[in-house]
Amino acid sequence: MRIALLVVRFAAAVVGDERYREQWEADVVGAHELGMSPLGVAFGTVRAAVAIPSKGAVVAGIGPLGIALKHAGTSRGRVLAIAVVSALMVLGGVVLLFA
């Protein structure tokens, strides 16, 4: 559930609209009651974030999100790709530290 909420917050930050975050978090929380996977709903919000017209980057994040938002003038698909690749690289580094 926490991972799903983090994915939703990331997608809402890319869109740049607080109301989407609130609605999507409620959808993730209520997904279990409907017999749906909260993580599946969360990844649906990422797909929606790609399709929604951008209001521009309003969050100056750090790490993968910050790198992606620096390139917000590009297509939203590229922003998400940069964030995902960066997050995987950070995760790989953490895994190598403990391997």
C-alpha atoms as a PDB file:
ATOM      1  CA  MET A   1       0.000   0.000   0.000  1.00  0.00           C
ATOM      2  CA  ARG A   2       2.815   2.437   0.847  1.00  0.00           C
ATOM      3  CA  ILE A   3       4.579   1.798  -2.440  1.00  0.00           C
ATOM      4  CA  ALA A   4       1.310   2.429  -4.285  1.00  0.00           C
ATOM      5  CA  LEU A   5       0.860   5.739  -2.466  1.00  0.00           C
ATOM      6  CA  LEU A   6       4.439   6.769  -3.321  1.00  0.00           C
ATOM      7  CA  VAL A   7       3.783   5.995  -6.993  1.00  0.00           C
ATOM      8  CA  VAL A   8       0.609   8.103  -6.855  1.00  0.00           C
ATOM      9  CA  ARG A   9       2.450  11.026  -5.251  1.00  0.00           C
ATOM     10  CA  PHE A  10       5.123  10.837  -7.937  1.00  0.00           C
ATOM     11  CA  ALA A  11       2.531  10.828 -10.729  1.00  0.00           C
ATOM     12  CA  ALA A  12       0.705  13.785  -9.165  1.00  0.00           C
ATOM     13  CA  ALA A  13       3.990  15.703  -8.827  1.00  0.00           C
ATOM     14  CA  VAL A  14       4.660  15.169 -12.522  1.00  0.00           C
ATOM     15  CA  VAL A  15       1.181  16.458 -13.393  1.00  0.00           C
ATOM     16  CA  GLY A  16       1.583  19.367 -10.964  1.00  0.00           C
ATOM     17  CA  ASP A  17      -1.954  19.436  -9.579  1.00  0.00           C
ATOM     18  CA  GLU A  18      -2.797  18.764  -5.924  1.00  0.00           C
ATOM     19  CA  ARG A  19      -6.384  17.641  -6.584  1.00  0.00           C
ATOM     20  CA  TYR A  20      -5.190  14.695  -8.672  1.00  0.00           C
ATOM     21  CA  ARG A  21      -3.016  13.520  -5.783  1.00  0.00           C
ATOM     22  CA  GLU A  22      -5.959  13.579  -3.380  1.00  0.00           C
ATOM     23  CA  GLN A  23      -8.268  11.762  -5.784  1.00  0.00           C
ATOM     24  CA  TRP A  24      -5.688   9.166  -6.749  1.00  0.00           C
ATOM     25  CA  GLU A  25      -4.712   8.448  -3.145  1.00  0.00           C
ATOM     26  CA  ALA A  26      -8.382   7.857  -2.332  1.00  0.00           C
ATOM     27  CA  ASP A  27      -8.621   5.514  -5.325  1.00  0.00           C
ATOM     28  CA  VAL A  28      -5.614   3.516  -4.109  1.00  0.00           C
ATOM     29  CA  VAL A  29      -6.999   3.271  -0.560  1.00  0.00           C
ATOM     30  CA  GLY A  30     -10.427   2.157  -1.832  1.00  0.00           C
ATOM     31  CA  ALA A  31      -9.071  -0.298  -4.406  1.00  0.00           C
ATOM     32  CA  HIS A  32      -8.881  -3.209  -1.959  1.00  0.00           C
ATOM     33  CA  GLU A  33     -12.582  -2.872  -1.121  1.00  0.00           C
ATOM     34  CA  LEU A  34     -13.400  -3.310  -4.803  1.00  0.00           C
ATOM     35  CA  GLY A  35     -11.157  -6.351  -5.160  1.00  0.00           C
ATOM     36  CA  MET A  36      -8.533  -4.469  -7.147  1.00  0.00           C
ATOM     37  CA  SER A  37      -4.800  -4.303  -6.616  1.00  0.00           C
ATOM     38  CA  PRO A  38      -3.735  -0.958  -5.081  1.00  0.00           C
ATOM     39  CA  LEU A  39      -0.448  -1.181  -6.990  1.00  0.00           C
ATOM     40  CA  GLY A  40      -2.329  -1.731 -10.258  1.00  0.00           C
ATOM     41  CA  VAL A  41      -4.407   1.377  -9.587  1.00  0.00           C
ATOM     42  CA  ALA A  42      -1.229   3.315  -8.757  1.00  0.00           C
ATOM     43  CA  PHE A  43       0.411   2.368 -12.047  1.00  0.00           C
ATOM     44  CA  GLY A  44      -2.800   3.425 -13.758  1.00  0.00           C
ATOM     45  CA  THR A  45      -2.215   6.901 -12.354  1.00  0.00           C
ATOM     46  CA  VAL A  46       1.238   6.913 -13.955  1.00  0.00           C
ATOM     47  CA  ARG A  47      -0.369   6.105 -17.302  1.00  0.00           C
ATOM     48  CA  ALA A  48      -2.867   8.919 -16.704  1.00  0.00           C
ATOM     49  CA  ALA A  49      -0.063  11.331 -15.798  1.00  0.00           C
ATOM     50  CA  VAL A  50       1.483  10.741 -19.209  1.00  0.00           C
ATOM     51  CA  ALA A  51      -1.803  11.603 -20.954  1.00  0.00           C
ATOM     52  CA  ILE A  52      -2.830  14.667 -18.887  1.00  0.00           C
ATOM     53  CA  PRO A  53      -1.614  18.029 -20.254  1.00  0.00           C
ATOM     54  CA  SER A  54       1.195  19.403 -18.109  1.00  0.00           C
ATOM     55  CA  LYS A  55       0.939  22.549 -15.993  1.00  0.00           C
ATOM     56  CA  GLY A  56       4.714  22.566 -15.703  1.00  0.00           C
ATOM     57  CA  ALA A  57       6.959  21.398 -12.925  1.00  0.00           C
ATOM     58  CA  VAL A  58       5.851  22.801  -9.593  1.00  0.00           C
ATOM     59  CA  VAL A  59       7.852  20.528  -7.306  1.00  0.00           C
ATOM     60  CA  ALA A  60      11.599  20.845  -6.973  1.00  0.00           C
ATOM     61  CA  GLY A  61      12.383  17.344  -5.775  1.00  0.00           C
ATOM     62  CA  ILE A  62      15.724  15.759  -5.065  1.00  0.00           C
ATOM     63  CA  GLY A  63      17.078  12.507  -6.424  1.00  0.00           C
ATOM     64  CA  PRO A  64      15.345  10.835  -9.367  1.00  0.00           C
ATOM     65  CA  LEU A  65      12.307  13.121  -9.206  1.00  0.00           C
ATOM     66  CA  GLY A  66      14.494  16.241  -9.178  1.00  0.00           C
ATOM     67  CA  ILE A  67      16.462  15.056 -12.199  1.00  0.00           C
ATOM     68  CA  ALA A  68      13.263  14.268 -14.060  1.00  0.00           C
ATOM     69  CA  LEU A  69      11.661  17.604 -13.228  1.00  0.00           C
ATOM     70  CA  LYS A  70      14.687  19.501 -14.541  1.00  0.00           C
ATOM     71  CA  HIS A  71      13.763  18.064 -17.923  1.00  0.00           C
ATOM     72  CA  ALA A  72      10.057  18.856 -17.616  1.00  0.00           C
ATOM     73  CA  GLY A  73      10.180  20.920 -20.814  1.00  0.00           C
ATOM     74  CA  THR A  74      10.425  17.607 -22.669  1.00  0.00           C
ATOM     75  CA  SER A  75       7.617  15.109 -23.113  1.00  0.00           C
ATOM     76  CA  ARG A  76       6.127  13.618 -19.981  1.00  0.00           C
ATOM     77  CA  GLY A  77       7.083  10.133 -21.137  1.00  0.00           C
ATOM     78  CA  ARG A  78      10.746  11.168 -21.147  1.00  0.00           C
ATOM     79  CA  VAL A  79      10.405  12.667 -17.657  1.00  0.00           C
ATOM     80  CA  LEU A  80       8.976   9.394 -16.341  1.00  0.00           C
ATOM     81  CA  ALA A  81      11.662   7.370 -18.121  1.00  0.00           C
ATOM     82  CA  ILE A  82      14.432   9.498 -16.590  1.00  0.00           C
ATOM     83  CA  ALA A  83      12.920   9.138 -13.119  1.00  0.00           C
ATOM     84  CA  VAL A  84      12.507   5.368 -13.422  1.00  0.00           C
ATOM     85  CA  VAL A  85      16.028   4.797 -14.757  1.00  0.00           C
ATOM     86  CA  SER A  86      17.504   7.044 -12.062  1.00  0.00           C
ATOM     87  CA  ALA A  87      15.566   5.266  -9.317  1.00  0.00           C
ATOM     88  CA  LEU A  88      16.717   1.876 -10.616  1.00  0.00           C
ATOM     89  CA  MET A  89      20.332   3.074 -10.639  1.00  0.00           C
ATOM     90  CA  VAL A  90      20.042   4.279  -7.028  1.00  0.00           C
ATOM     91  CA  LEU A  91      18.384   1.006  -6.013  1.00  0.00           C
ATOM     92  CA  GLY A  92      21.147  -0.943  -7.776  1.00  0.00           C
ATOM     93  CA  GLY A  93      23.774   1.008  -5.863  1.00  0.00           C
ATOM     94  CA  VAL A  94      22.059   0.266  -2.558  1.00  0.00           C
ATOM     95  CA  VAL A  95      21.862  -3.427  -3.425  1.00  0.00           C
ATOM     96  CA  LEU A  96      25.565  -3.471  -4.293  1.00  0.00           C
ATOM     97  CA  LEU A  97      26.394  -1.869  -0.944  1.00  0.00           C
ATOM     98  CA  PHE A  98      24.810  -4.760   0.929  1.00  0.00           C
ATOM     99  CA  ALA A  99      25.744  -7.579  -1.447  1.00  0.00           C
END
